[in-house]
C-alpha atoms as a PDB file:
ATOM      1  CA  MET A   1      50.846 -72.034-142.974  1.00  0.00           C
ATOM      2  CA  ILE A   2      52.429 -74.349-145.682  1.00  0.00           C
ATOM      3  CA  PRO A   3      52.507 -72.563-149.008  1.00  0.00           C
ATOM      4  CA  GLU A   4      50.011 -74.051-151.556  1.00  0.00           C
ATOM      5  CA  ALA A   5      52.666 -74.751-154.113  1.00  0.00           C
ATOM      6  CA  VAL A   6      54.565 -76.837-151.601  1.00  0.00           C
ATOM      7  CA  ARG A   7      51.252 -78.561-150.475  1.00  0.00           C
ATOM      8  CA  ASP A   8      50.392 -79.347-154.195  1.00  0.00           C
ATOM      9  CA  ARG A   9      54.071 -80.663-154.910  1.00  0.00           C
ATOM     10  CA  LEU A  10      54.025 -82.957-151.942  1.00  0.00           C
ATOM     11  CA  GLY A  11      50.467 -84.086-152.104  1.00  0.00           C
ATOM     12  CA  LEU A  12      49.568 -82.701-148.755  1.00  0.00           C
ATOM     13  CA  GLY A  13      45.783 -82.497-148.085  1.00  0.00           C
ATOM     14  CA  ALA A  14      43.595 -81.414-145.119  1.00  0.00           C
ATOM     15  CA  GLY A  15      44.304 -83.592-142.098  1.00  0.00           C
ATOM     16  CA  THR A  16      47.774 -84.602-143.159  1.00  0.00           C
ATOM     17  CA  GLN A  17      49.754 -85.420-140.034  1.00  0.00           C
ATOM     18  CA  PHE A  18      53.346 -84.605-139.391  1.00  0.00           C
ATOM     19  CA  VAL A  19      56.176 -85.217-136.858  1.00  0.00           C
ATOM     20  CA  VAL A  20      57.576 -81.833-135.937  1.00  0.00           C
ATOM     21  CA  THR A  21      61.194 -81.510-134.830  1.00  0.00           C
ATOM     22  CA  GLY A  22      63.217 -78.444-134.423  1.00  0.00           C
ATOM     23  CA  GLU A  23      66.785 -77.267-133.549  1.00  0.00           C
ATOM     24  CA  GLY A  24      68.003 -73.695-133.230  1.00  0.00           C
ATOM     25  CA  ASP A  25      66.001 -71.795-135.923  1.00  0.00           C
ATOM     26  CA  VAL A  26      65.233 -74.846-138.064  1.00  0.00           C
ATOM     27  CA  VAL A  27      61.889 -76.607-138.003  1.00  0.00           C
ATOM     28  CA  VAL A  28      61.452 -79.885-139.918  1.00  0.00           C
ATOM     29  CA  LEU A  29      58.089 -81.312-140.672  1.00  0.00           C
ATOM     30  CA  LYS A  30      57.980 -85.111-141.569  1.00  0.00           C
ATOM     31  CA  LYS A  31      54.937 -86.409-143.168  1.00  0.00           C
ATOM     32  CA  LEU A  32      53.520 -89.464-141.435  1.00  0.00           C
ATOM     33  CA  ASN A  33      52.832 -92.345-143.824  1.00  0.00           C
ATOM     34  CA  PRO A  34      50.638 -95.101-142.237  1.00  0.00           C
ATOM     35  CA  PRO A  35      51.605 -98.608-143.405  1.00  0.00           C
ATOM     36  CA  SER A  36      49.631-100.427-145.880  1.00  0.00           C
ATOM     37  CA  MET A  37      47.302-103.063-144.665  1.00  0.00           C
ATOM     38  CA  ALA A  38      49.714-105.762-146.093  1.00  0.00           C
ATOM     39  CA  ASP A  39      52.646-103.983-144.081  1.00  0.00           C
ATOM     40  CA  PHE A  40      50.464-103.764-141.074  1.00  0.00           C
ATOM     41  CA  ASP A  41      49.452-107.507-141.166  1.00  0.00           C
ATOM     42  CA  GLU A  42      53.212-108.413-141.426  1.00  0.00           C
ATOM     43  CA  ILE A  43      54.078-106.164-138.367  1.00  0.00           C
ATOM     44  CA  ILE A  44      51.355-107.827-136.326  1.00  0.00           C
ATOM     45  CA  ALA A  45      52.556-111.194-137.490  1.00  0.00           C
ATOM     46  CA  THR A  46      56.078-110.371-136.433  1.00  0.00           C
ATOM     47  CA  ALA A  47      55.016-109.063-133.123  1.00  0.00           C
ATOM     48  CA  ARG A  48      52.887-112.147-132.303  1.00  0.00           C
ATOM     49  CA  ARG A  49      55.976-114.420-133.204  1.00  0.00           C
ATOM     50  CA  GLN A  50      58.152-112.396-130.927  1.00  0.00           C
ATOM     51  CA  ALA A  51      55.473-112.478-128.121  1.00  0.00           C
ATOM     52  CA  ARG A  52      55.313-116.297-128.315  1.00  0.00           C
ATOM     53  CA  THR A  53      59.032-116.683-128.424  1.00  0.00           C
ATOM     54  CA  ALA A  54      59.256-114.457-125.236  1.00  0.00           C
ATOM     55  CA  GLY A  55      56.625-116.567-123.625  1.00  0.00           C
ATOM     56  CA  LEU A  56      53.899-113.914-123.452  1.00  0.00           C
ATOM     57  CA  THR A  57      50.272-114.958-123.209  1.00  0.00           C
ATOM     58  CA  LYS A  58      47.009-113.269-123.825  1.00  0.00           C
ATOM     59  CA  ALA A  59      46.655-113.249-119.976  1.00  0.00           C
ATOM     60  CA  HIS A  60      49.861-111.219-119.699  1.00  0.00           C
ATOM     61  CA  VAL A  61      48.587-108.746-122.319  1.00  0.00           C
ATOM     62  CA  ARG A  62      45.256-108.483-120.506  1.00  0.00           C
ATOM     63  CA  THR A  63      47.089-107.775-117.169  1.00  0.00           C
ATOM     64  CA  ALA A  64      49.216-105.227-118.720  1.00  0.00           C
ATOM     65  CA  ILE A  65      46.282-103.399-120.259  1.00  0.00           C
ATOM     66  CA  ARG A  66      44.353-103.436-116.968  1.00  0.00           C
ATOM     67  CA  LYS A  67      47.373-102.001-115.065  1.00  0.00           C
ATOM     68  CA  THR A  68      47.971 -99.281-117.645  1.00  0.00           C
ATOM     69  CA  ARG A  69      44.354 -98.343-117.681  1.00  0.00           C
ATOM     70  CA  GLN A  70      44.359 -98.015-113.808  1.00  0.00           C
ATOM     71  CA  HIS A  71      47.261 -95.460-113.861  1.00  0.00           C
ATOM     72  CA  ARG A  72      45.613 -92.983-116.217  1.00  0.00           C
END
């Protein structure tokens, strides 16, 4: 359990998600901060530009999704 004073200071609420790493006797919790919608839109735009540059099409994506779902 994370002490209340630490939760308050860091603004941690119920449902806060973390990446947890550890080495030896040290455990590190890193709060996950989702991107803003503007940041997310830019990430998507960048990914689409890179896909076009690489020659990927929607058909390629559909095929990859279908193959991935078959291997579950």
